[in-house]
Amino acid sequence: GRVVGSSDSKGAFPKDNPKTPQDVLATIYQHLGVDTEKHYLDHSG
């Protein structure tokens, strides 16, 4: 029952407390117990 953030009256631009896709990802990672500041090596090292 909570609403976080809002857009303007036309739904064109953020108005209050805008969030990014990365904020949603950070929420998911936190739930999974993943440290978002940790570094991993890709296939090239």
All heavy atoms as atom14 arrays in JSON, in Angstrom:
{
  "sequence": "GRVVGSSDSKGAFPKDNPKTPQDVLATIYQHLGVDTEKHYLDHSG",
  "atom14_mask": [
    [1, 1, 1, 1, 0, 0, 0, 0, 0, 0, 0, 0, 0, 0],
    [1, 1, 1, 1, 1, 1, 1, 1, 1, 1, 1, 0, 0, 0],
    [1, 1, 1, 1, 1, 1, 1, 0, 0, 0, 0, 0, 0, 0],
    [1, 1, 1, 1, 1, 1, 1, 0, 0, 0, 0, 0, 0, 0],
    [1, 1, 1, 1, 0, 0, 0, 0, 0, 0, 0, 0, 0, 0],
    [1, 1, 1, 1, 1, 1, 0, 0, 0, 0, 0, 0, 0, 0],
    [1, 1, 1, 1, 1, 1, 0, 0, 0, 0, 0, 0, 0, 0],
    [1, 1, 1, 1, 1, 1, 1, 1, 0, 0, 0, 0, 0, 0],
    [1, 1, 1, 1, 1, 1, 0, 0, 0, 0, 0, 0, 0, 0],
    [1, 1, 1, 1, 1, 1, 1, 1, 1, 0, 0, 0, 0, 0],
    [1, 1, 1, 1, 0, 0, 0, 0, 0, 0, 0, 0, 0, 0],
    [1, 1, 1, 1, 1, 0, 0, 0, 0, 0, 0, 0, 0, 0],
    [1, 1, 1, 1, 1, 1, 1, 1, 1, 1, 1, 0, 0, 0],
    [1, 1, 1, 1, 1, 1, 1, 0, 0, 0, 0, 0, 0, 0],
    [1, 1, 1, 1, 1, 1, 1, 1, 1, 0, 0, 0, 0, 0],
    [1, 1, 1, 1, 1, 1, 1, 1, 0, 0, 0, 0, 0, 0],
    [1, 1, 1, 1, 1, 1, 1, 1, 0, 0, 0, 0, 0, 0],
    [1, 1, 1, 1, 1, 1, 1, 0, 0, 0, 0, 0, 0, 0],
    [1, 1, 1, 1, 1, 1, 1, 1, 1, 0, 0, 0, 0, 0],
    [1, 1, 1, 1, 1, 1, 1, 0, 0, 0, 0, 0, 0, 0],
    [1, 1, 1, 1, 1, 1, 1, 0, 0, 0, 0, 0, 0, 0],
    [1, 1, 1, 1, 1, 1, 1, 1, 1, 0, 0, 0, 0, 0],
    [1, 1, 1, 1, 1, 1, 1, 1, 0, 0, 0, 0, 0, 0],
    [1, 1, 1, 1, 1, 1, 1, 0, 0, 0, 0, 0, 0, 0],
    [1, 1, 1, 1, 1, 1, 1, 1, 0, 0, 0, 0, 0, 0],
    [1, 1, 1, 1, 1, 0, 0, 0, 0, 0, 0, 0, 0, 0],
    [1, 1, 1, 1, 1, 1, 1, 0, 0, 0, 0, 0, 0, 0],
    [1, 1, 1, 1, 1, 1, 1, 1, 0, 0, 0, 0, 0, 0],
    [1, 1, 1, 1, 1, 1, 1, 1, 1, 1, 1, 1, 0, 0],
    [1, 1, 1, 1, 1, 1, 1, 1, 1, 0, 0, 0, 0, 0],
    [1, 1, 1, 1, 1, 1, 1, 1, 1, 1, 0, 0, 0, 0],
    [1, 1, 1, 1, 1, 1, 1, 1, 0, 0, 0, 0, 0, 0],
    [1, 1, 1, 1, 0, 0, 0, 0, 0, 0, 0, 0, 0, 0],
    [1, 1, 1, 1, 1, 1, 1, 0, 0, 0, 0, 0, 0, 0],
    [1, 1, 1, 1, 1, 1, 1, 1, 0, 0, 0, 0, 0, 0],
    [1, 1, 1, 1, 1, 1, 1, 0, 0, 0, 0, 0, 0, 0],
    [1, 1, 1, 1, 1, 1, 1, 1, 1, 0, 0, 0, 0, 0],
    [1, 1, 1, 1, 1, 1, 1, 1, 1, 0, 0, 0, 0, 0],
    [1, 1, 1, 1, 1, 1, 1, 1, 1, 1, 0, 0, 0, 0],
    [1, 1, 1, 1, 1, 1, 1, 1, 1, 1, 1, 1, 0, 0],
    [1, 1, 1, 1, 1, 1, 1, 1, 0, 0, 0, 0, 0, 0],
    [1, 1, 1, 1, 1, 1, 1, 1, 0, 0, 0, 0, 0, 0],
    [1, 1, 1, 1, 1, 1, 1, 1, 1, 1, 0, 0, 0, 0],
    [1, 1, 1, 1, 1, 1, 0, 0, 0, 0, 0, 0, 0, 0],
    [1, 1, 1, 1, 0, 0, 0, 0, 0, 0, 0, 0, 0, 0]
  ],
  "atom14_positions": [
    [[0.78, -1.23, 0.0], [0.0, 0.0, 0.0], [0.81, 1.27, 0.0], [0.31, 2.32, 0.38], [0.0, 0.0, 0.0], [0.0, 0.0, 0.0], [0.0, 0.0, 0.0], [0.0, 0.0, 0.0], [0.0, 0.0, 0.0], [0.0, 0.0, 0.0], [0.0, 0.0, 0.0], [0.0, 0.0, 0.0], [0.0, 0.0, 0.0], [0.0, 0.0, 0.0]],
    [[2.05, 1.21, -0.44], [2.89, 2.41, -0.45], [3.24, 2.8, -1.88], [3.45, 1.96, -2.74], [4.18, 2.17, 0.34], [3.92, 1.8, 1.79], [5.18, 1.77, 2.6], [4.9, 1.47, 4.0], [5.78, 1.57, 4.97], [7.01, 1.94, 4.71], [5.44, 1.29, 6.22], [0.0, 0.0, 0.0], [0.0, 0.0, 0.0], [0.0, 0.0, 0.0]],
    [[3.29, 4.1, -2.1], [3.69, 4.64, -3.39], [4.95, 5.46, -3.18], [4.97, 6.36, -2.33], [2.59, 5.51, -4.02], [3.08, 6.11, -5.34], [1.32, 4.7, -4.24], [0.0, 0.0, 0.0], [0.0, 0.0, 0.0], [0.0, 0.0, 0.0], [0.0, 0.0, 0.0], [0.0, 0.0, 0.0], [0.0, 0.0, 0.0], [0.0, 0.0, 0.0]],
    [[6.0, 5.14, -3.92], [7.28, 5.84, -3.79], [7.51, 6.66, -5.05], [7.58, 6.11, -6.15], [8.43, 4.84, -3.59], [9.76, 5.59, -3.47], [8.18, 3.99, -2.36], [0.0, 0.0, 0.0], [0.0, 0.0, 0.0], [0.0, 0.0, 0.0], [0.0, 0.0, 0.0], [0.0, 0.0, 0.0], [0.0, 0.0, 0.0], [0.0, 0.0, 0.0]],
    [[7.61, 7.97, -4.89], [7.85, 8.83, -6.04], [6.57, 9.17, -6.78], [5.51, 8.56, -6.56], [0.0, 0.0, 0.0], [0.0, 0.0, 0.0], [0.0, 0.0, 0.0], [0.0, 0.0, 0.0], [0.0, 0.0, 0.0], [0.0, 0.0, 0.0], [0.0, 0.0, 0.0], [0.0, 0.0, 0.0], [0.0, 0.0, 0.0], [0.0, 0.0, 0.0]],
    [[6.66, 10.16, -7.66], [5.5, 10.55, -8.46], [5.98, 11.22, -9.74], [7.13, 11.63, -9.86], [4.6, 11.51, -7.66], [5.27, 12.74, -7.44], [0.0, 0.0, 0.0], [0.0, 0.0, 0.0], [0.0, 0.0, 0.0], [0.0, 0.0, 0.0], [0.0, 0.0, 0.0], [0.0, 0.0, 0.0], [0.0, 0.0, 0.0], [0.0, 0.0, 0.0]],
    [[5.05, 11.33, -10.68], [5.34, 12.04, -11.93], [4.51, 13.32, -11.96], [3.66, 13.56, -11.09], [4.99, 11.15, -13.14], [3.59, 10.97, -13.21], [0.0, 0.0, 0.0], [0.0, 0.0, 0.0], [0.0, 0.0, 0.0], [0.0, 0.0, 0.0], [0.0, 0.0, 0.0], [0.0, 0.0, 0.0], [0.0, 0.0, 0.0], [0.0, 0.0, 0.0]],
    [[4.73, 14.12, -12.99], [3.89, 15.31, -13.14], [2.5, 14.9, -13.59], [2.21, 13.71, -13.8], [4.53, 16.31, -14.11], [4.74, 15.73, -15.51], [4.07, 14.74, -15.87], [5.59, 16.26, -16.24], [0.0, 0.0, 0.0], [0.0, 0.0, 0.0], [0.0, 0.0, 0.0], [0.0, 0.0, 0.0], [0.0, 0.0, 0.0], [0.0, 0.0, 0.0]],
    [[1.62, 15.85, -13.76], [0.21, 15.57, -14.05], [0.01, 14.87, -15.39], [-1.01, 14.19, -15.59], [-0.61, 16.87, -14.03], [-0.14, 17.79, -15.02], [0.0, 0.0, 0.0], [0.0, 0.0, 0.0], [0.0, 0.0, 0.0], [0.0, 0.0, 0.0], [0.0, 0.0, 0.0], [0.0, 0.0, 0.0], [0.0, 0.0, 0.0], [0.0, 0.0, 0.0]],
    [[0.96, 14.99, -16.29], [0.84, 14.37, -17.6], [1.6, 13.05, -17.7], [1.58, 12.39, -18.75], [1.34, 15.33, -18.69], [0.5, 16.58, -18.83], [1.03, 17.45, -19.93], [0.11, 18.65, -20.17], [-0.1, 19.48, -18.98], [0.0, 0.0, 0.0], [0.0, 0.0, 0.0], [0.0, 0.0, 0.0], [0.0, 0.0, 0.0], [0.0, 0.0, 0.0]],
    [[2.27, 12.66, -16.63], [3.07, 11.44, -16.69], [4.23, 11.56, -17.64], [4.65, 10.56, -18.26], [0.0, 0.0, 0.0], [0.0, 0.0, 0.0], [0.0, 0.0, 0.0], [0.0, 0.0, 0.0], [0.0, 0.0, 0.0], [0.0, 0.0, 0.0], [0.0, 0.0, 0.0], [0.0, 0.0, 0.0], [0.0, 0.0, 0.0], [0.0, 0.0, 0.0]],
    [[4.78, 12.76, -17.73], [5.86, 13.01, -18.69], [7.23, 13.0, -18.05], [8.2, 12.52, -18.65], [5.63, 14.35, -19.39], [0.0, 0.0, 0.0], [0.0, 0.0, 0.0], [0.0, 0.0, 0.0], [0.0, 0.0, 0.0], [0.0, 0.0, 0.0], [0.0, 0.0, 0.0], [0.0, 0.0, 0.0], [0.0, 0.0, 0.0], [0.0, 0.0, 0.0]],
    [[7.33, 13.52, -16.81], [8.61, 13.61, -16.13], [8.44, 13.35, -14.64], [7.35, 13.58, -14.09], [9.25, 14.99, -16.35], [9.58, 15.27, -17.78], [8.72, 16.05, -18.55], [10.72, 14.74, -18.37], [9.01, 16.31, -19.87], [11.01, 15.0, -19.7], [10.16, 15.79, -20.45], [0.0, 0.0, 0.0], [0.0, 0.0, 0.0], [0.0, 0.0, 0.0]],
    [[9.49, 12.89, -13.95], [9.4, 12.7, -12.5], [9.11, 14.03, -11.81], [9.57, 15.09, -12.25], [10.78, 12.16, -12.12], [11.33, 11.59, -13.38], [10.79, 12.45, -14.49], [0.0, 0.0, 0.0], [0.0, 0.0, 0.0], [0.0, 0.0, 0.0], [0.0, 0.0, 0.0], [0.0, 0.0, 0.0], [0.0, 0.0, 0.0], [0.0, 0.0, 0.0]],
    [[8.37, 13.95, -10.71], [8.05, 15.15, -9.94], [8.67, 15.08, -8.56], [9.48, 15.93, -8.19], [6.53, 15.31, -9.84], [6.1, 16.54, -9.05], [4.58, 16.6, -8.94], [4.14, 17.79, -8.11], [2.66, 17.85, -7.97], [0.0, 0.0, 0.0], [0.0, 0.0, 0.0], [0.0, 0.0, 0.0], [0.0, 0.0, 0.0], [0.0, 0.0, 0.0]],
    [[8.27, 14.09, -7.76], [8.76, 13.98, -6.39], [9.5, 12.65, -6.19], [9.04, 11.61, -6.66], [7.6, 14.06, -5.39], [6.87, 15.38, -5.47], [7.55, 16.42, -5.51], [5.63, 15.36, -5.49], [0.0, 0.0, 0.0], [0.0, 0.0, 0.0], [0.0, 0.0, 0.0], [0.0, 0.0, 0.0], [0.0, 0.0, 0.0], [0.0, 0.0, 0.0]],
    [[10.62, 12.74, -5.49], [11.35, 11.55, -5.06], [11.58, 10.55, -6.21], [11.19, 9.38, -6.12], [10.58, 10.86, -3.92], [11.43, 9.83, -3.2], [12.65, 9.8, -3.32], [10.77, 8.97, -2.43], [0.0, 0.0, 0.0], [0.0, 0.0, 0.0], [0.0, 0.0, 0.0], [0.0, 0.0, 0.0], [0.0, 0.0, 0.0], [0.0, 0.0, 0.0]],
    [[12.21, 10.98, -7.29], [12.41, 10.07, -8.42], [13.37, 8.93, -8.08], [14.31, 9.11, -7.3], [12.99, 10.98, -9.51], [13.66, 12.08, -8.74], [12.8, 12.3, -7.53], [0.0, 0.0, 0.0], [0.0, 0.0, 0.0], [0.0, 0.0, 0.0], [0.0, 0.0, 0.0], [0.0, 0.0, 0.0], [0.0, 0.0, 0.0], [0.0, 0.0, 0.0]],
    [[13.13, 7.79, -8.66], [13.99, 6.62, -8.48], [14.5, 6.15, -9.84], [13.92, 6.46, -10.88], [13.24, 5.49, -7.79], [12.67, 5.85, -6.42], [13.78, 6.2, -5.43], [13.19, 6.54, -4.06], [14.26, 6.87, -3.08], [0.0, 0.0, 0.0], [0.0, 0.0, 0.0], [0.0, 0.0, 0.0], [0.0, 0.0, 0.0], [0.0, 0.0, 0.0]],
    [[15.56, 5.37, -9.83], [16.16, 4.86, -11.07], [16.01, 3.35, -11.13], [15.77, 2.7, -10.11], [17.65, 5.22, -11.14], [18.37, 4.48, -10.13], [17.88, 6.71, -10.92], [0.0, 0.0, 0.0], [0.0, 0.0, 0.0], [0.0, 0.0, 0.0], [0.0, 0.0, 0.0], [0.0, 0.0, 0.0], [0.0, 0.0, 0.0], [0.0, 0.0, 0.0]],
    [[16.17, 2.77, -12.31], [16.19, 1.3, -12.4], [17.24, 0.67, -11.5], [17.04, -0.42, -10.96], [16.49, 1.04, -13.88], [15.96, 2.24, -14.59], [16.22, 3.39, -13.65], [0.0, 0.0, 0.0], [0.0, 0.0, 0.0], [0.0, 0.0, 0.0], [0.0, 0.0, 0.0], [0.0, 0.0, 0.0], [0.0, 0.0, 0.0], [0.0, 0.0, 0.0]],
    [[18.37, 1.37, -11.31], [19.41, 0.85, -10.44], [18.96, 0.77, -8.99], [19.4, -0.11, -8.24], [20.68, 1.7, -10.55], [21.47, 1.5, -11.84], [20.82, 2.16, -13.04], [19.96, 3.03, -12.89], [21.22, 1.75, -14.23], [0.0, 0.0, 0.0], [0.0, 0.0, 0.0], [0.0, 0.0, 0.0], [0.0, 0.0, 0.0], [0.0, 0.0, 0.0]],
    [[18.06, 1.66, -8.58], [17.52, 1.59, -7.22], [16.66, 0.34, -7.04], [16.69, -0.3, -5.98], [16.68, 2.84, -6.92], [17.51, 4.12, -6.9], [18.68, 4.05, -6.5], [16.97, 5.17, -7.3], [0.0, 0.0, 0.0], [0.0, 0.0, 0.0], [0.0, 0.0, 0.0], [0.0, 0.0, 0.0], [0.0, 0.0, 0.0], [0.0, 0.0, 0.0]],
    [[15.9, 0.0, -8.07], [15.11, -1.23, -8.02], [16.04, -2.45, -7.97], [15.82, -3.38, -7.19], [14.15, -1.33, -9.21], [13.36, -2.64, -9.17], [13.19, -0.14, -9.23], [0.0, 0.0, 0.0], [0.0, 0.0, 0.0], [0.0, 0.0, 0.0], [0.0, 0.0, 0.0], [0.0, 0.0, 0.0], [0.0, 0.0, 0.0], [0.0, 0.0, 0.0]],
    [[17.08, -2.42, -8.79], [18.05, -3.52, -8.78], [18.72, -3.64, -7.42], [18.93, -4.75, -6.91], [19.09, -3.32, -9.87], [18.6, -3.43, -11.32], [19.72, -3.09, -12.29], [18.06, -4.83, -11.6], [0.0, 0.0, 0.0], [0.0, 0.0, 0.0], [0.0, 0.0, 0.0], [0.0, 0.0, 0.0], [0.0, 0.0, 0.0], [0.0, 0.0, 0.0]],
    [[19.07, -2.51, -6.82], [19.7, -2.54, -5.5], [18.75, -3.16, -4.47], [19.19, -3.87, -3.56], [20.09, -1.12, -5.07], [0.0, 0.0, 0.0], [0.0, 0.0, 0.0], [0.0, 0.0, 0.0], [0.0, 0.0, 0.0], [0.0, 0.0, 0.0], [0.0, 0.0, 0.0], [0.0, 0.0, 0.0], [0.0, 0.0, 0.0], [0.0, 0.0, 0.0]],
    [[17.46, -2.91, -4.61], [16.47, -3.5, -3.71], [16.42, -5.01, -3.88], [16.34, -5.76, -2.9], [15.08, -2.9, -4.0], [15.15, -1.47, -3.88], [14.03, -3.43, -3.03], [0.0, 0.0, 0.0], [0.0, 0.0, 0.0], [0.0, 0.0, 0.0], [0.0, 0.0, 0.0], [0.0, 0.0, 0.0], [0.0, 0.0, 0.0], [0.0, 0.0, 0.0]],
    [[16.47, -5.46, -5.12], [16.46, -6.9, -5.4], [17.72, -7.55, -4.85], [17.67, -8.6, -4.2], [16.33, -7.14, -6.91], [14.99, -6.61, -7.44], [16.46, -8.64, -7.24], [14.86, -6.64, -8.95], [0.0, 0.0, 0.0], [0.0, 0.0, 0.0], [0.0, 0.0, 0.0], [0.0, 0.0, 0.0], [0.0, 0.0, 0.0], [0.0, 0.0, 0.0]],
    [[18.87, -6.94, -5.11], [20.14, -7.5, -4.63], [20.17, -7.57, -3.1], [20.68, -8.53, -2.52], [21.31, -6.67, -5.14], [21.7, -6.94, -6.57], [21.99, -5.89, -7.45], [21.8, -8.25, -7.05], [22.36, -6.13, -8.76], [22.16, -8.49, -8.36], [22.44, -7.43, -9.21], [22.8, -7.68, -10.5], [0.0, 0.0, 0.0], [0.0, 0.0, 0.0]],
    [[19.65, -6.54, -2.46], [19.63, -6.54, -1.0], [18.81, -7.72, -0.49], [19.21, -8.4, 0.47], [19.05, -5.22, -0.49], [19.04, -5.1, 1.03], [18.39, -3.81, 1.49], [17.21, -3.57, 1.26], [19.18, -2.95, 2.14], [0.0, 0.0, 0.0], [0.0, 0.0, 0.0], [0.0, 0.0, 0.0], [0.0, 0.0, 0.0], [0.0, 0.0, 0.0]],
    [[17.68, -7.97, -1.11], [16.84, -9.09, -0.69], [17.56, -10.42, -0.89], [17.43, -11.34, -0.08], [15.54, -9.08, -1.48], [14.63, -10.23, -1.16], [13.95, -10.33, 0.04], [14.32, -11.35, -1.86], [13.25, -11.45, 0.05], [13.46, -12.08, -1.08], [0.0, 0.0, 0.0], [0.0, 0.0, 0.0], [0.0, 0.0, 0.0], [0.0, 0.0, 0.0]],
    [[18.35, -10.52, -1.95], [19.07, -11.76, -2.25], [20.36, -11.9, -1.44], [21.01, -12.94, -1.49], [19.41, -11.82, -3.74], [18.22, -11.98, -4.7], [18.69, -11.83, -6.14], [17.54, -13.32, -4.5], [0.0, 0.0, 0.0], [0.0, 0.0, 0.0], [0.0, 0.0, 0.0], [0.0, 0.0, 0.0], [0.0, 0.0, 0.0], [0.0, 0.0, 0.0]],
    [[20.73, -10.85, -0.71], [21.95, -10.9, 0.08], [23.21, -10.69, -0.74], [24.29, -11.17, -0.37], [0.0, 0.0, 0.0], [0.0, 0.0, 0.0], [0.0, 0.0, 0.0], [0.0, 0.0, 0.0], [0.0, 0.0, 0.0], [0.0, 0.0, 0.0], [0.0, 0.0, 0.0], [0.0, 0.0, 0.0], [0.0, 0.0, 0.0], [0.0, 0.0, 0.0]],
    [[23.07, -9.96, -1.86], [24.21, -9.7, -2.74], [24.81, -8.34, -2.42], [24.1, -7.33, -2.35], [23.78, -9.73, -4.23], [24.94, -9.35, -5.13], [23.25, -11.11, -4.59], [0.0, 0.0, 0.0], [0.0, 0.0, 0.0], [0.0, 0.0, 0.0], [0.0, 0.0, 0.0], [0.0, 0.0, 0.0], [0.0, 0.0, 0.0], [0.0, 0.0, 0.0]],
    [[26.11, -8.3, -2.21], [26.83, -7.07, -1.92], [27.02, -6.3, -3.23], [27.79, -6.71, -4.1], [28.19, -7.38, -1.29], [28.97, -6.13, -0.9], [28.47, -5.0, -1.16], [30.06, -6.27, -0.33], [0.0, 0.0, 0.0], [0.0, 0.0, 0.0], [0.0, 0.0, 0.0], [0.0, 0.0, 0.0], [0.0, 0.0, 0.0], [0.0, 0.0, 0.0]],
    [[26.33, -5.17, -3.39], [26.38, -4.44, -4.66], [27.7, -3.7, -4.87], [27.98, -3.23, -5.97], [25.22, -3.42, -4.74], [25.3, -2.52, -3.62], [23.88, -4.13, -4.72], [0.0, 0.0, 0.0], [0.0, 0.0, 0.0], [0.0, 0.0, 0.0], [0.0, 0.0, 0.0], [0.0, 0.0, 0.0], [0.0, 0.0, 0.0], [0.0, 0.0, 0.0]],
    [[28.51, -3.59, -3.83], [29.79, -2.9, -3.97], [30.94, -3.87, -4.24], [32.08, -3.44, -4.43], [30.08, -2.09, -2.71], [29.07, -0.97, -2.47], [29.45, -0.11, -1.27], [30.46, -0.43, -0.62], [28.74, 0.88, -1.01], [0.0, 0.0, 0.0], [0.0, 0.0, 0.0], [0.0, 0.0, 0.0], [0.0, 0.0, 0.0], [0.0, 0.0, 0.0]],
    [[30.65, -5.14, -4.28], [31.69, -6.12, -4.5], [32.06, -6.19, -5.98], [31.2, -6.04, -6.85], [31.23, -7.5, -4.02], [32.33, -8.55, -4.01], [31.86, -9.82, -3.32], [32.99, -10.84, -3.25], [32.58, -12.07, -2.54], [0.0, 0.0, 0.0], [0.0, 0.0, 0.0], [0.0, 0.0, 0.0], [0.0, 0.0, 0.0], [0.0, 0.0, 0.0]],
    [[33.32, -6.44, -6.25], [33.8, -6.58, -7.62], [33.99, -8.05, -7.97], [34.47, -8.84, -7.15], [35.13, -5.84, -7.82], [35.0, -4.35, -7.83], [34.76, -3.62, -6.67], [35.07, -3.45, -8.84], [34.69, -2.33, -6.98], [34.87, -2.2, -8.29], [0.0, 0.0, 0.0], [0.0, 0.0, 0.0], [0.0, 0.0, 0.0], [0.0, 0.0, 0.0]],
    [[33.63, -8.4, -9.19], [33.87, -9.75, -9.72], [34.69, -9.63, -10.99], [34.61, -8.63, -11.72], [32.55, -10.47, -10.02], [31.77, -10.82, -8.78], [30.79, -9.95, -8.28], [31.99, -12.01, -8.1], [30.07, -10.27, -7.14], [31.27, -12.34, -6.95], [30.32, -11.46, -6.48], [29.61, -11.77, -5.36], [0.0, 0.0, 0.0], [0.0, 0.0, 0.0]],
    [[35.45, -10.65, -11.27], [36.26, -10.65, -12.48], [35.45, -11.18, -13.66], [34.78, -12.21, -13.55], [37.51, -11.51, -12.29], [38.45, -11.1, -11.16], [39.64, -12.06, -11.09], [38.94, -9.67, -11.35], [0.0, 0.0, 0.0], [0.0, 0.0, 0.0], [0.0, 0.0, 0.0], [0.0, 0.0, 0.0], [0.0, 0.0, 0.0], [0.0, 0.0, 0.0]],
    [[35.52, -10.45, -14.79], [34.86, -10.96, -15.98], [35.79, -11.97, -16.67], [36.84, -12.34, -16.14], [34.46, -9.82, -16.92], [35.66, -9.09, -17.52], [36.82, -9.55, -17.33], [35.44, -8.06, -18.18], [0.0, 0.0, 0.0], [0.0, 0.0, 0.0], [0.0, 0.0, 0.0], [0.0, 0.0, 0.0], [0.0, 0.0, 0.0], [0.0, 0.0, 0.0]],
    [[35.39, -12.44, -17.84], [36.16, -13.5, -18.5], [37.56, -13.06, -18.93], [38.42, -13.9, -19.17], [35.39, -14.02, -19.71], [34.11, -14.72, -19.35], [34.09, -15.91, -18.65], [32.82, -14.39, -19.57], [32.84, -16.28, -18.47], [32.05, -15.37, -19.01], [0.0, 0.0, 0.0], [0.0, 0.0, 0.0], [0.0, 0.0, 0.0], [0.0, 0.0, 0.0]],
    [[37.75, -11.75, -19.03], [39.09, -11.27, -19.39], [39.9, -10.89, -18.17], [41.04, -10.43, -18.31], [38.97, -10.05, -20.33], [38.35, -8.97, -19.66], [0.0, 0.0, 0.0], [0.0, 0.0, 0.0], [0.0, 0.0, 0.0], [0.0, 0.0, 0.0], [0.0, 0.0, 0.0], [0.0, 0.0, 0.0], [0.0, 0.0, 0.0], [0.0, 0.0, 0.0]],
    [[39.35, -11.08, -16.97], [40.09, -10.78, -15.75], [39.91, -9.38, -15.22], [40.53, -9.0, -14.24], [0.0, 0.0, 0.0], [0.0, 0.0, 0.0], [0.0, 0.0, 0.0], [0.0, 0.0, 0.0], [0.0, 0.0, 0.0], [0.0, 0.0, 0.0], [0.0, 0.0, 0.0], [0.0, 0.0, 0.0], [0.0, 0.0, 0.0], [0.0, 0.0, 0.0]]
  ]
}
